């Protein structure tokens, strides 16, 4: 098949399928239940179109209705399970991340790049909580402000990195957040050159993390793994001399285990 990515309006692009998936993705932790009007507003669809998609998803069992409100059903989990089941490396990586948590008492995760975000696909959570939101498999965070995101962006071809920098909207989450695109580009390039990235209190005050890319034995990029911690509890020297080597060791172990 032709590997060229289709665009809306191309002959083979199925707009109805794209719109249906857009409706599913409109539901999240902030909007777990919505009326037809709210769904239409979040997806930029007219009410008639949004209604047809909601009723179709309802008929297929992906959405349930309670009066005027709609919400997702557990059947949506089948879509995520299909991804997890098809990823033969997930169980291997999970074990290495759990070993890190047991040894260091810190949360460790694997994420992949999806558009402007990273998506958590494997996670080993420590008991202490680092962010206001609960991080779990499926959580999305802005790639620009995460160590895993910068590591993964550094793996992209130059044209794709430049396209990312052109379209991304930078935000000041904290006083340390990079809001200059040139500075972000430099940080991404640095992550590629040194093979790791550290993001220090740019996404959330007190949140400090380090990440490295992780590859399969075949050389395939599986994602990025990180260790996240509290800046007040773990200084930069410890992050560099203890946490980073432990993370690099785990990445190497994954590569050896997946040959």
Protein backbone atom coordinates (compact mmCIF):
# COMPACT_ATOMS: atom_id res chain seq x y z
CA UNK A 1 0.00 0.00 0.00
CA UNK A 2 1.06 3.60 -0.56
CA UNK A 3 2.55 4.91 2.70
CA UNK A 4 1.53 8.50 1.97
CA UNK A 5 -0.76 9.79 4.70
CA UNK A 6 -4.21 10.72 3.48
CA UNK A 7 -5.68 14.14 4.11
CA UNK A 8 -9.32 15.21 4.50
CA UNK A 9 -10.76 15.58 1.03
CA UNK A 10 -8.63 12.84 -0.53
CA UNK A 11 -10.62 10.25 -2.43
CA UNK A 12 -9.88 7.39 -0.03
CA UNK A 13 -10.32 9.45 3.14
CA UNK A 14 -13.47 8.30 4.98
CA UNK A 15 -14.80 11.45 6.59
CA UNK A 16 -17.58 9.69 8.48
CA UNK A 17 -15.12 7.39 10.23
CA UNK A 18 -12.89 10.34 11.14
CA UNK A 19 -15.86 12.26 12.54
CA UNK A 20 -17.05 9.28 14.58
CA UNK A 21 -13.62 8.89 16.16
CA UNK A 22 -13.56 12.62 16.84
CA UNK A 23 -16.80 12.30 18.79
CA UNK A 24 -15.32 9.47 20.89
CA UNK A 25 -12.22 11.55 21.64
CA UNK A 26 -14.33 14.51 22.73
CA UNK A 27 -15.04 12.70 26.01
CA UNK A 28 -12.28 12.95 28.62
CA UNK A 29 -11.74 13.43 32.36
CA UNK A 30 -12.93 17.04 32.14
CA UNK A 31 -15.97 16.15 30.00
CA UNK A 32 -17.01 12.60 30.99
CA UNK A 33 -20.67 13.34 30.27
CA UNK A 34 -22.02 15.77 27.70
CA UNK A 35 -25.22 16.87 26.06
CA UNK A 36 -25.64 16.86 22.30
CA UNK A 37 -25.00 20.60 22.25
CA UNK A 38 -21.74 20.19 24.18
CA UNK A 39 -20.52 17.41 21.89
CA UNK A 40 -21.31 19.50 18.84
CA UNK A 41 -19.39 22.45 20.30
CA UNK A 42 -16.33 20.38 21.26
CA UNK A 43 -16.11 18.76 17.82
CA UNK A 44 -17.08 21.85 15.79
CA UNK A 45 -19.96 19.91 14.20
CA UNK A 46 -23.50 21.06 13.66
CA UNK A 47 -26.05 19.48 15.99
CA UNK A 48 -27.61 17.27 13.32
CA UNK A 49 -24.29 15.72 12.39
CA UNK A 50 -23.20 15.23 16.00
CA UNK A 51 -26.58 13.66 16.78
CA UNK A 52 -26.20 11.06 13.99
CA UNK A 53 -22.78 10.03 15.22
CA UNK A 54 -23.84 9.86 18.87
CA UNK A 55 -26.87 7.73 18.02
CA UNK A 56 -24.75 5.42 15.86
CA UNK A 57 -22.17 5.02 18.63
CA UNK A 58 -25.06 4.40 21.03
CA UNK A 59 -26.42 1.67 18.76
CA UNK A 60 -22.94 0.06 18.59
CA UNK A 61 -22.61 0.09 22.38
CA UNK A 62 -19.76 2.62 22.66
CA UNK A 63 -21.93 5.38 24.14
CA UNK A 64 -24.79 5.26 26.63
CA UNK A 65 -27.52 7.80 27.14
CA UNK A 66 -29.01 9.11 30.36
CA UNK A 67 -31.67 11.66 29.63
CA UNK A 68 -30.04 14.48 27.67
CA UNK A 69 -26.51 13.40 28.53
CA UNK A 70 -24.20 10.96 26.77
CA UNK A 71 -21.15 9.16 28.14
CA UNK A 72 -18.76 6.43 27.04
CA UNK A 73 -19.30 2.79 27.95
CA UNK A 74 -16.66 0.21 28.97
CA UNK A 75 -16.81 -1.15 25.44
CA UNK A 76 -14.49 1.68 24.38
CA UNK A 77 -11.78 -0.11 26.39
CA UNK A 78 -11.74 -2.81 23.70
CA UNK A 79 -10.12 -0.31 21.35
CA UNK A 80 -7.32 0.38 23.81
CA UNK A 81 -6.97 -3.30 24.65
CA UNK A 82 -6.40 -4.11 21.00
CA UNK A 83 -3.40 -1.78 21.00
CA UNK A 84 -2.04 -3.19 24.24
CA UNK A 85 -2.52 -6.79 23.14
CA UNK A 86 -0.76 -6.16 19.82
CA UNK A 87 2.27 -4.65 21.58
CA UNK A 88 4.37 -7.70 22.34
CA UNK A 89 6.89 -5.68 24.34
CA UNK A 90 4.49 -4.22 26.89
CA UNK A 91 4.86 -7.01 29.47
CA UNK A 92 8.65 -6.95 29.23
CA UNK A 93 8.82 -3.18 29.72
CA UNK A 94 6.29 -3.27 32.57
CA UNK A 95 8.58 -5.55 34.55
CA UNK A 96 11.62 -3.30 34.15
CA UNK A 97 9.61 -0.23 35.16
CA UNK A 98 8.28 -2.00 38.24
CA UNK A 99 11.86 -2.93 39.17
CA UNK A 100 12.80 0.77 39.01
CA UNK A 101 9.88 1.72 41.24
CA UNK A 102 10.73 -1.00 43.74
CA UNK A 103 14.39 0.03 43.83
CA UNK A 104 14.12 3.82 43.81
CA UNK A 105 10.60 4.38 45.11
CA UNK A 106 9.79 6.55 42.08
CA UNK A 107 7.19 6.36 39.32
CA UNK A 108 8.41 5.16 35.94
CA UNK A 109 6.54 5.14 32.62
CA UNK A 110 6.71 4.36 28.92
CA UNK A 111 5.10 6.82 26.51
CA UNK A 112 4.78 7.17 22.76
CA UNK A 113 4.39 10.28 20.64
CA UNK A 114 0.95 11.08 19.21
CA UNK A 115 0.69 14.43 17.45
CA UNK A 116 1.64 17.17 19.90
CA UNK A 117 1.26 14.90 22.93
CA UNK A 118 2.84 11.92 24.58
CA UNK A 119 0.50 9.09 25.54
CA UNK A 120 1.28 6.84 28.49
CA UNK A 121 1.14 3.18 27.44
CA UNK A 122 2.90 1.49 30.39
CA UNK A 123 3.21 2.83 33.92
CA UNK A 124 4.57 1.79 37.29
CA UNK A 125 3.31 4.25 39.89
CA UNK A 126 4.95 5.01 43.21
CA UNK A 127 2.80 5.60 46.26
CA UNK A 128 3.41 9.33 46.40
CA UNK A 129 1.54 11.52 43.96
CA UNK A 130 3.46 14.10 41.94
CA UNK A 131 0.79 15.92 39.91
CA UNK A 132 -2.70 17.20 40.52
CA UNK A 133 -4.01 14.86 37.84
CA UNK A 134 -3.79 11.09 38.13
CA UNK A 135 -1.38 9.67 35.58
CA UNK A 136 -2.35 6.30 34.12
CA UNK A 137 -2.25 4.34 30.88
CA UNK A 138 -3.92 6.53 28.25
CA UNK A 139 -3.04 9.86 29.90
CA UNK A 140 -1.93 12.52 27.42
CA UNK A 141 0.54 15.29 28.25
CA UNK A 142 2.09 17.97 26.04
CA UNK A 143 5.25 16.60 24.43
CA UNK A 144 6.95 20.01 24.59
CA UNK A 145 6.94 19.99 28.40
CA UNK A 146 7.78 16.38 29.21
CA UNK A 147 11.15 14.65 29.23
CA UNK A 148 9.68 11.71 27.29
CA UNK A 149 8.22 14.09 24.74
CA UNK A 150 11.52 15.83 24.06
CA UNK A 151 13.36 12.52 23.76
CA UNK A 152 10.79 11.27 21.25
CA UNK A 153 10.73 14.53 19.30
CA UNK A 154 14.50 14.26 18.99
CA UNK A 155 14.04 10.93 17.20
CA UNK A 156 11.93 12.47 14.44
CA UNK A 157 13.36 13.41 11.04
CA UNK A 158 14.32 17.07 10.89
CA UNK A 159 11.35 17.96 8.68
CA UNK A 160 8.92 16.51 11.22
CA UNK A 161 10.63 18.26 14.14
CA UNK A 162 10.38 21.57 12.31
CA UNK A 163 6.72 20.90 11.50
CA UNK A 164 6.07 20.24 15.19
CA UNK A 165 7.75 23.48 16.23
CA UNK A 166 5.76 25.37 13.62
CA UNK A 167 2.36 24.14 14.80
CA UNK A 168 2.78 23.70 18.56
CA UNK A 169 1.29 26.28 20.91
CA UNK A 170 3.58 26.89 23.86
CA UNK A 171 2.15 27.68 27.30
CA UNK A 172 3.57 28.97 30.55
CA UNK A 173 2.58 26.20 32.95
CA UNK A 174 5.18 27.39 35.48
CA UNK A 175 7.80 30.12 35.72
CA UNK A 176 10.32 27.63 34.27
CA UNK A 177 8.31 26.72 31.17
CA UNK A 178 10.01 27.31 27.83
CA UNK A 179 7.79 29.59 25.77
CA UNK A 180 10.24 30.42 22.98
CA UNK A 181 10.16 28.00 20.03
CA UNK A 182 13.83 28.48 19.23
CA UNK A 183 14.73 27.56 22.82
CA UNK A 184 12.47 24.51 22.64
CA UNK A 185 14.13 23.46 19.39
CA UNK A 186 17.53 23.74 21.06
CA UNK A 187 16.33 21.61 23.99
CA UNK A 188 15.05 18.93 21.62
CA UNK A 189 18.30 18.92 19.65
CA UNK A 190 20.24 18.62 22.91
CA UNK A 191 18.12 15.61 23.91
CA UNK A 192 19.03 13.94 20.64
CA UNK A 193 22.74 14.67 21.02
CA UNK A 194 23.08 13.47 24.61
CA UNK A 195 20.57 10.61 24.43
CA UNK A 196 18.40 11.78 27.31
CA UNK A 197 16.26 14.71 28.39
CA UNK A 198 15.63 16.34 31.74
CA UNK A 199 12.61 18.58 32.27
CA UNK A 200 12.74 20.49 35.53
CA UNK A 201 9.48 22.00 36.83
CA UNK A 202 8.26 23.13 33.40
CA UNK A 203 4.93 21.30 33.40
CA UNK A 204 4.12 21.36 37.09
CA UNK A 205 5.88 23.03 40.03
CA UNK A 206 8.00 20.48 41.89
CA UNK A 207 7.90 17.92 39.07
CA UNK A 208 11.34 16.84 37.83
CA UNK A 209 11.84 14.03 35.33
CA UNK A 210 14.47 12.34 33.19
CA UNK A 211 13.82 10.18 30.12
CA UNK A 212 15.68 8.09 27.56
CA UNK A 213 14.54 6.47 24.30
CA UNK A 214 13.97 2.73 24.36
CA UNK A 215 14.47 0.48 21.35
CA UNK A 216 13.67 -3.13 20.50
CA UNK A 217 16.43 -5.51 19.53
CA UNK A 218 15.49 -4.90 15.90
CA UNK A 219 16.23 -1.19 16.31
CA UNK A 220 12.54 -0.22 16.31
CA UNK A 221 11.76 2.76 18.54
CA UNK A 222 9.33 1.54 21.20
CA UNK A 223 8.92 4.88 22.93
CA UNK A 224 10.61 6.69 25.80
CA UNK A 225 10.88 5.64 29.44
CA UNK A 226 11.21 8.05 32.31
CA UNK A 227 11.56 8.45 36.03
CA UNK A 228 9.61 11.30 37.57
CA UNK A 229 10.22 12.67 41.03
CA UNK A 230 9.81 15.66 43.34
CA UNK A 231 12.38 18.42 42.92
CA UNK A 232 12.43 19.15 46.64
CA UNK A 233 13.22 15.53 47.45
CA UNK A 234 15.69 14.60 44.69
CA UNK A 235 18.41 17.02 43.58
CA UNK A 236 19.85 17.25 40.08
CA UNK A 237 23.06 15.45 41.04
CA UNK A 238 21.09 12.42 42.21
CA UNK A 239 18.98 12.56 39.07
CA UNK A 240 22.11 12.53 36.91
CA UNK A 241 24.29 10.09 38.84
CA UNK A 242 21.68 7.61 40.10
CA UNK A 243 18.41 7.90 38.22
CA UNK A 244 19.72 8.44 34.68
CA UNK A 245 22.15 5.47 34.74
CA UNK A 246 19.38 3.25 36.15
CA UNK A 247 17.07 4.34 33.35
CA UNK A 248 19.74 3.72 30.70
CA UNK A 249 20.34 0.28 32.17
CA UNK A 250 16.62 -0.52 31.89
CA UNK A 251 16.53 0.66 28.27
CA UNK A 252 19.50 -1.53 27.42
CA UNK A 253 17.89 -4.51 29.18
CA UNK A 254 14.69 -4.05 27.13
CA UNK A 255 16.71 -4.00 23.92
CA UNK A 256 18.57 -7.19 24.86
CA UNK A 257 15.36 -8.92 25.96
CA UNK A 258 13.55 -8.16 22.71
CA UNK A 259 16.12 -9.45 20.23
